[in-house]
Amino acid sequence: HWTVELARASGVEIIGDIELFCRQRTLLAPAAPFIAITGTNGKSTTTALTAHILKSAGRDTQMGGNIGRAVMT
C-alpha cells in the first residue's frame, strides 16, 4: 500500500498486531509462557482443546485470537 511505502521511506517502523502484542507482553509479563497455534485448518479446535487441557490441569489459562478474547483486547 502506498501509505506503508511512504512510512517506510520516512523511517517509520511498520509492525502488525501480533508484534505489538508480543512487545507489550514482554514488558508486562516477561516470565509468562504462551502458546501460538498456527496453520491452515483446525486452529480453533486445537486452541480450544489446548486451553481446556491446560485449565483442567490447573494452569492459569487465557485463550485469544479469533475465538475468545482478541489478542489486542
N, C-alpha and C. Protein backbone atom coordinates (compact mmCIF):
# COMPACT_ATOMS: atom_id res chain seq x y z
N HIS A 1 0.85 -1.18 0.00
CA HIS A 1 0.00 0.00 0.00
C HIS A 1 0.89 1.24 0.00
N TRP A 2 0.44 2.28 -0.65
CA TRP A 2 1.27 3.47 -0.78
C TRP A 2 1.58 4.12 0.56
N THR A 3 0.66 4.00 1.52
CA THR A 3 0.92 4.62 2.83
C THR A 3 2.03 3.88 3.58
N VAL A 4 2.09 2.57 3.42
CA VAL A 4 3.15 1.78 4.05
C VAL A 4 4.49 2.14 3.42
N GLU A 5 4.52 2.24 2.11
CA GLU A 5 5.77 2.61 1.42
C GLU A 5 6.23 4.01 1.84
N LEU A 6 5.29 4.93 1.97
CA LEU A 6 5.63 6.29 2.40
C LEU A 6 6.19 6.27 3.83
N ALA A 7 5.56 5.50 4.70
CA ALA A 7 6.04 5.39 6.08
C ALA A 7 7.43 4.79 6.12
N ARG A 8 7.65 3.71 5.38
CA ARG A 8 8.97 3.08 5.34
C ARG A 8 10.03 4.04 4.82
N ALA A 9 9.69 4.77 3.77
CA ALA A 9 10.64 5.74 3.20
C ALA A 9 10.98 6.83 4.20
N SER A 10 10.08 7.09 5.13
CA SER A 10 10.30 8.11 6.15
C SER A 10 10.94 7.55 7.41
N GLY A 11 11.25 6.25 7.40
CA GLY A 11 11.91 5.63 8.54
C GLY A 11 10.98 5.18 9.65
N VAL A 12 9.68 5.12 9.36
CA VAL A 12 8.70 4.69 10.35
C VAL A 12 8.70 3.16 10.41
N GLU A 13 8.77 2.62 11.62
CA GLU A 13 8.73 1.17 11.78
C GLU A 13 7.31 0.67 11.52
N ILE A 14 7.19 -0.38 10.73
CA ILE A 14 5.90 -0.98 10.40
C ILE A 14 5.82 -2.32 11.12
N ILE A 15 4.83 -2.46 12.02
CA ILE A 15 4.64 -3.73 12.73
C ILE A 15 3.16 -4.08 12.71
N GLY A 16 2.88 -5.35 12.93
CA GLY A 16 1.50 -5.81 12.97
C GLY A 16 1.01 -6.00 14.39
N ASP A 17 -0.22 -6.45 14.51
CA ASP A 17 -0.82 -6.60 15.83
C ASP A 17 -0.14 -7.66 16.68
N ILE A 18 0.34 -8.73 16.07
CA ILE A 18 1.00 -9.78 16.84
C ILE A 18 2.32 -9.28 17.40
N GLU A 19 3.08 -8.55 16.60
CA GLU A 19 4.34 -7.97 17.08
C GLU A 19 4.09 -7.00 18.22
N LEU A 20 3.07 -6.16 18.08
CA LEU A 20 2.73 -5.21 19.13
C LEU A 20 2.34 -5.95 20.41
N PHE A 21 1.54 -7.00 20.28
CA PHE A 21 1.15 -7.82 21.42
C PHE A 21 2.37 -8.42 22.11
N CYS A 22 3.28 -9.00 21.32
CA CYS A 22 4.47 -9.64 21.89
C CYS A 22 5.35 -8.64 22.63
N ARG A 23 5.49 -7.46 22.09
CA ARG A 23 6.30 -6.44 22.76
C ARG A 23 5.68 -6.03 24.09
N GLN A 24 4.37 -5.82 24.11
CA GLN A 24 3.70 -5.43 25.35
C GLN A 24 3.74 -6.57 26.37
N ARG A 25 3.55 -7.78 25.91
CA ARG A 25 3.59 -8.94 26.79
C ARG A 25 4.96 -9.07 27.42
N THR A 26 6.01 -8.83 26.66
CA THR A 26 7.37 -8.89 27.18
C THR A 26 7.58 -7.85 28.28
N LEU A 27 6.98 -6.68 28.12
CA LEU A 27 7.10 -5.64 29.14
C LEU A 27 6.28 -5.96 30.39
N LEU A 28 5.07 -6.46 30.21
CA LEU A 28 4.15 -6.64 31.33
C LEU A 28 4.24 -8.00 32.02
N ALA A 29 4.59 -9.03 31.27
CA ALA A 29 4.63 -10.39 31.85
C ALA A 29 5.73 -11.20 31.18
N PRO A 30 7.00 -10.80 31.38
CA PRO A 30 8.09 -11.46 30.65
C PRO A 30 8.26 -12.94 30.96
N ALA A 31 7.85 -13.38 32.14
CA ALA A 31 8.04 -14.78 32.51
C ALA A 31 6.83 -15.66 32.17
N ALA A 32 5.74 -15.06 31.71
CA ALA A 32 4.53 -15.83 31.43
C ALA A 32 4.66 -16.57 30.10
N PRO A 33 4.55 -17.88 30.12
CA PRO A 33 4.64 -18.63 28.85
C PRO A 33 3.37 -18.45 28.02
N PHE A 34 3.53 -18.61 26.72
CA PHE A 34 2.34 -18.62 25.87
C PHE A 34 2.56 -19.57 24.71
N ILE A 35 1.46 -20.03 24.16
CA ILE A 35 1.48 -20.98 23.06
C ILE A 35 0.83 -20.31 21.86
N ALA A 36 1.48 -20.35 20.73
CA ALA A 36 0.92 -19.83 19.49
C ALA A 36 0.56 -21.01 18.60
N ILE A 37 -0.66 -21.04 18.12
CA ILE A 37 -1.12 -22.13 17.26
C ILE A 37 -1.41 -21.54 15.89
N THR A 38 -0.73 -22.04 14.88
CA THR A 38 -0.88 -21.52 13.52
C THR A 38 -1.18 -22.66 12.56
N GLY A 39 -1.53 -22.32 11.35
CA GLY A 39 -1.78 -23.33 10.33
C GLY A 39 -2.98 -22.97 9.49
N THR A 40 -3.36 -23.87 8.62
CA THR A 40 -4.46 -23.62 7.70
C THR A 40 -5.79 -24.12 8.26
N ASN A 41 -5.80 -25.32 8.80
CA ASN A 41 -7.04 -25.92 9.28
C ASN A 41 -6.90 -26.38 10.72
N GLY A 42 -7.99 -26.29 11.48
CA GLY A 42 -8.03 -26.86 12.82
C GLY A 42 -7.51 -25.98 13.94
N LYS A 43 -7.21 -24.71 13.66
CA LYS A 43 -6.65 -23.84 14.70
C LYS A 43 -7.62 -23.62 15.85
N SER A 44 -8.87 -23.33 15.54
CA SER A 44 -9.85 -23.06 16.61
C SER A 44 -10.05 -24.29 17.49
N THR A 45 -10.17 -25.44 16.88
CA THR A 45 -10.35 -26.68 17.63
C THR A 45 -9.12 -26.98 18.48
N THR A 46 -7.94 -26.85 17.89
CA THR A 46 -6.70 -27.11 18.61
C THR A 46 -6.52 -26.12 19.76
N THR A 47 -6.84 -24.86 19.51
CA THR A 47 -6.73 -23.83 20.54
C THR A 47 -7.67 -24.12 21.70
N ALA A 48 -8.93 -24.42 21.39
CA ALA A 48 -9.91 -24.71 22.44
C ALA A 48 -9.53 -25.95 23.23
N LEU A 49 -9.07 -26.99 22.54
CA LEU A 49 -8.67 -28.22 23.22
C LEU A 49 -7.45 -27.98 24.11
N THR A 50 -6.48 -27.25 23.61
CA THR A 50 -5.27 -26.94 24.40
C THR A 50 -5.63 -26.14 25.64
N ALA A 51 -6.48 -25.13 25.48
CA ALA A 51 -6.91 -24.32 26.64
C ALA A 51 -7.65 -25.19 27.65
N HIS A 52 -8.51 -26.07 27.18
CA HIS A 52 -9.26 -26.95 28.08
C HIS A 52 -8.33 -27.88 28.85
N ILE A 53 -7.37 -28.46 28.17
CA ILE A 53 -6.41 -29.37 28.82
C ILE A 53 -5.61 -28.62 29.89
N LEU A 54 -5.13 -27.43 29.54
CA LEU A 54 -4.33 -26.66 30.50
C LEU A 54 -5.16 -26.22 31.70
N LYS A 55 -6.40 -25.78 31.46
CA LYS A 55 -7.28 -25.40 32.58
C LYS A 55 -7.57 -26.60 33.46
N SER A 56 -7.83 -27.75 32.84
CA SER A 56 -8.11 -28.97 33.60
C SER A 56 -6.92 -29.39 34.45
N ALA A 57 -5.73 -29.02 34.01
CA ALA A 57 -4.51 -29.33 34.75
C ALA A 57 -4.21 -28.27 35.81
N GLY A 58 -5.11 -27.30 35.96
CA GLY A 58 -4.94 -26.28 36.99
C GLY A 58 -4.09 -25.09 36.59
N ARG A 59 -3.80 -24.97 35.32
CA ARG A 59 -2.98 -23.84 34.85
C ARG A 59 -3.84 -22.61 34.66
N ASP A 60 -3.27 -21.44 34.95
CA ASP A 60 -3.92 -20.16 34.67
C ASP A 60 -3.89 -19.98 33.16
N THR A 61 -5.04 -20.06 32.52
CA THR A 61 -5.11 -20.11 31.06
C THR A 61 -6.05 -19.06 30.51
N GLN A 62 -5.60 -18.40 29.46
CA GLN A 62 -6.44 -17.48 28.70
C GLN A 62 -6.33 -17.86 27.24
N MET A 63 -7.43 -17.78 26.54
CA MET A 63 -7.46 -18.13 25.12
C MET A 63 -7.76 -16.86 24.33
N GLY A 64 -7.00 -16.61 23.29
CA GLY A 64 -7.22 -15.41 22.49
C GLY A 64 -7.06 -15.70 21.01
N GLY A 65 -7.36 -14.72 20.20
CA GLY A 65 -7.26 -14.87 18.75
C GLY A 65 -8.61 -14.63 18.13
N ASN A 66 -9.00 -15.49 17.20
CA ASN A 66 -10.30 -15.35 16.55
C ASN A 66 -11.43 -15.96 17.37
N ILE A 67 -11.08 -16.68 18.43
CA ILE A 67 -12.06 -17.16 19.39
C ILE A 67 -11.61 -16.67 20.76
N GLY A 68 -12.53 -16.49 21.65
CA GLY A 68 -12.15 -15.95 22.96
C GLY A 68 -11.84 -14.47 22.84
N ARG A 69 -10.95 -13.99 23.67
CA ARG A 69 -10.57 -12.57 23.65
C ARG A 69 -9.61 -12.31 22.50
N ALA A 70 -9.84 -11.24 21.78
CA ALA A 70 -8.91 -10.85 20.72
C ALA A 70 -7.57 -10.47 21.34
N VAL A 71 -6.50 -10.72 20.61
CA VAL A 71 -5.16 -10.51 21.14
C VAL A 71 -4.92 -9.06 21.58
N MET A 72 -5.58 -8.10 20.96
CA MET A 72 -5.36 -6.69 21.30
C MET A 72 -6.41 -6.13 22.25
N THR A 73 -7.17 -7.00 22.91
CA THR A 73 -8.20 -6.54 23.84
C THR A 73 -7.60 -6.24 25.19
